[in-house]
Amino acid sequence: MIGIKRFVLVVYGFILSAIIGIIAAIFLVLEGFTSELVWSNHNQILEIGLIFLGSLLLYYLLKRWPDLPKTSQDSMHELKLNQTIDYHDVFFNLAS
């Protein structure tokens, strides 16, 4: 029984690691593409537009999830109070 649980946990860890790797790879490809686009064109309108869009995206994300990610001070305070840190709502908030 313990062997099956350990196997499932290892497979689950591999799946989560693969998902994180895919997200990181997509981010790096997009970042490389946009950096090359901005630095090679010297188009001020494009640069200002990207800055504006990035600012709007950041504003939206901070309004949507103001308390995430938790700072280390917040996490340590919660850990001292409750003896645990609750991140159960993270996946729910990302999906909605």
C-alpha atoms as a PDB file:
ATOM      1  CA  MET A   1       0.000   0.000   0.000  1.00  0.00           C
ATOM      2  CA  ILE A   2       2.815   2.401   0.849  1.00  0.00           C
ATOM      3  CA  GLY A   3       4.560   1.508  -2.415  1.00  0.00           C
ATOM      4  CA  ILE A   4       1.504   2.468  -4.453  1.00  0.00           C
ATOM      5  CA  LYS A   5       1.121   5.772  -2.605  1.00  0.00           C
ATOM      6  CA  ARG A   6       4.787   6.557  -3.116  1.00  0.00           C
ATOM      7  CA  PHE A   7       4.540   5.714  -6.818  1.00  0.00           C
ATOM      8  CA  VAL A   8       1.455   7.910  -7.268  1.00  0.00           C
ATOM      9  CA  LEU A   9       3.178  10.748  -5.407  1.00  0.00           C
ATOM     10  CA  VAL A  10       6.282  10.485  -7.596  1.00  0.00           C
ATOM     11  CA  VAL A  11       4.192  10.423 -10.797  1.00  0.00           C
ATOM     12  CA  TYR A  12       2.181  13.402  -9.544  1.00  0.00           C
ATOM     13  CA  GLY A  13       5.429  15.259  -8.835  1.00  0.00           C
ATOM     14  CA  PHE A  14       6.688  14.518 -12.348  1.00  0.00           C
ATOM     15  CA  ILE A  15       3.444  15.776 -13.864  1.00  0.00           C
ATOM     16  CA  LEU A  16       3.553  19.011 -11.861  1.00  0.00           C
ATOM     17  CA  SER A  17       7.227  19.492 -12.741  1.00  0.00           C
ATOM     18  CA  ALA A  18       6.436  19.000 -16.435  1.00  0.00           C
ATOM     19  CA  ILE A  19       3.636  21.564 -16.257  1.00  0.00           C
ATOM     20  CA  ILE A  20       5.937  24.077 -14.565  1.00  0.00           C
ATOM     21  CA  GLY A  21       8.612  23.391 -17.180  1.00  0.00           C
ATOM     22  CA  ILE A  22       6.182  23.925 -20.047  1.00  0.00           C
ATOM     23  CA  ILE A  23       4.957  27.205 -18.558  1.00  0.00           C
ATOM     24  CA  ALA A  24       8.541  28.383 -18.039  1.00  0.00           C
ATOM     25  CA  ALA A  25       9.501  27.433 -21.609  1.00  0.00           C
ATOM     26  CA  ILE A  26       6.513  29.282 -23.070  1.00  0.00           C
ATOM     27  CA  PHE A  27       7.377  32.338 -20.990  1.00  0.00           C
ATOM     28  CA  LEU A  28      11.013  32.298 -22.112  1.00  0.00           C
ATOM     29  CA  VAL A  29      10.067  31.942 -25.781  1.00  0.00           C
ATOM     30  CA  LEU A  30       7.561  34.803 -25.563  1.00  0.00           C
ATOM     31  CA  GLU A  31      10.012  36.956 -23.629  1.00  0.00           C
ATOM     32  CA  GLY A  32      12.742  36.332 -26.195  1.00  0.00           C
ATOM     33  CA  PHE A  33      10.407  37.123 -29.081  1.00  0.00           C
ATOM     34  CA  THR A  34       9.094  40.354 -27.574  1.00  0.00           C
ATOM     35  CA  SER A  35      12.571  41.486 -26.502  1.00  0.00           C
ATOM     36  CA  GLU A  36      13.893  40.931 -30.016  1.00  0.00           C
ATOM     37  CA  LEU A  37      10.874  42.728 -31.473  1.00  0.00           C
ATOM     38  CA  VAL A  38      11.279  45.758 -29.233  1.00  0.00           C
ATOM     39  CA  TRP A  39      15.071  46.068 -29.369  1.00  0.00           C
ATOM     40  CA  SER A  40      15.447  45.529 -33.097  1.00  0.00           C
ATOM     41  CA  ASN A  41      12.747  47.941 -34.298  1.00  0.00           C
ATOM     42  CA  HIS A  42      13.502  51.105 -32.292  1.00  0.00           C
ATOM     43  CA  ASN A  43       9.840  51.965 -32.757  1.00  0.00           C
ATOM     44  CA  GLN A  44       8.787  54.256 -29.905  1.00  0.00           C
ATOM     45  CA  ILE A  45       5.077  53.740 -30.522  1.00  0.00           C
ATOM     46  CA  LEU A  46       5.525  49.964 -30.160  1.00  0.00           C
ATOM     47  CA  GLU A  47       7.604  50.418 -27.009  1.00  0.00           C
ATOM     48  CA  ILE A  48       5.048  52.755 -25.436  1.00  0.00           C
ATOM     49  CA  GLY A  49       2.219  50.389 -26.411  1.00  0.00           C
ATOM     50  CA  LEU A  50       3.938  47.400 -24.833  1.00  0.00           C
ATOM     51  CA  ILE A  51       4.658  49.368 -21.658  1.00  0.00           C
ATOM     52  CA  PHE A  52       1.011  50.453 -21.522  1.00  0.00           C
ATOM     53  CA  LEU A  53      -0.300  46.906 -22.098  1.00  0.00           C
ATOM     54  CA  GLY A  54       2.083  45.490 -19.503  1.00  0.00           C
ATOM     55  CA  SER A  55       1.002  48.121 -16.994  1.00  0.00           C
ATOM     56  CA  LEU A  56      -2.673  47.331 -17.597  1.00  0.00           C
ATOM     57  CA  LEU A  57      -2.008  43.611 -17.209  1.00  0.00           C
ATOM     58  CA  LEU A  58      -0.101  44.175 -13.966  1.00  0.00           C
ATOM     59  CA  TYR A  59      -2.864  46.456 -12.636  1.00  0.00           C
ATOM     60  CA  TYR A  60      -5.515  43.841 -13.463  1.00  0.00           C
ATOM     61  CA  LEU A  61      -3.556  41.032 -11.827  1.00  0.00           C
ATOM     62  CA  LEU A  62      -2.935  43.058  -8.657  1.00  0.00           C
ATOM     63  CA  LYS A  63      -6.644  43.916  -8.437  1.00  0.00           C
ATOM     64  CA  ARG A  64      -7.642  40.279  -9.043  1.00  0.00           C
ATOM     65  CA  TRP A  65      -5.227  38.712  -6.516  1.00  0.00           C
ATOM     66  CA  PRO A  66      -4.029  41.444  -4.142  1.00  0.00           C
ATOM     67  CA  ASP A  67      -2.722  39.046  -1.474  1.00  0.00           C
ATOM     68  CA  LEU A  68      -0.797  36.669  -3.757  1.00  0.00           C
ATOM     69  CA  PRO A  69       2.013  35.859  -3.709  1.00  0.00           C
ATOM     70  CA  LYS A  70       2.416  35.948   0.029  1.00  0.00           C
ATOM     71  CA  THR A  71       5.519  37.662   1.314  1.00  0.00           C
ATOM     72  CA  SER A  72       7.876  35.737   3.552  1.00  0.00           C
ATOM     73  CA  GLN A  73       6.787  37.898   6.489  1.00  0.00           C
ATOM     74  CA  ASP A  74       3.112  37.053   5.884  1.00  0.00           C
ATOM     75  CA  SER A  75       3.914  33.362   5.553  1.00  0.00           C
ATOM     76  CA  MET A  76       5.991  33.317   8.747  1.00  0.00           C
ATOM     77  CA  HIS A  77       3.248  35.178  10.637  1.00  0.00           C
ATOM     78  CA  GLU A  78       0.598  32.701   9.443  1.00  0.00           C
ATOM     79  CA  LEU A  79       2.888  29.792  10.284  1.00  0.00           C
ATOM     80  CA  LYS A  80       3.416  31.064  13.834  1.00  0.00           C
ATOM     81  CA  LEU A  81      -0.315  31.628  14.360  1.00  0.00           C
ATOM     82  CA  ASN A  82      -1.772  28.474  12.785  1.00  0.00           C
ATOM     83  CA  GLN A  83       1.220  26.125  12.579  1.00  0.00           C
ATOM     84  CA  THR A  84       0.346  25.754   8.863  1.00  0.00           C
ATOM     85  CA  ILE A  85       0.267  27.839   5.712  1.00  0.00           C
ATOM     86  CA  ASP A  86      -2.930  27.594   3.679  1.00  0.00           C
ATOM     87  CA  TYR A  87      -2.516  27.793  -0.103  1.00  0.00           C
ATOM     88  CA  HIS A  88      -5.687  25.840  -0.964  1.00  0.00           C
ATOM     89  CA  ASP A  89      -7.305  28.819  -2.672  1.00  0.00           C
ATOM     90  CA  VAL A  90      -4.404  29.396  -5.071  1.00  0.00           C
ATOM     91  CA  PHE A  91      -5.471  26.836  -7.714  1.00  0.00           C
ATOM     92  CA  PHE A  92      -9.132  27.797  -7.309  1.00  0.00           C
ATOM     93  CA  ASN A  93      -8.310  31.470  -7.909  1.00  0.00           C
ATOM     94  CA  LEU A  94      -6.149  30.669 -10.919  1.00  0.00           C
ATOM     95  CA  ALA A  95      -8.900  28.592 -12.504  1.00  0.00           C
ATOM     96  CA  SER A  96     -11.637  31.171 -12.023  1.00  0.00           C
END
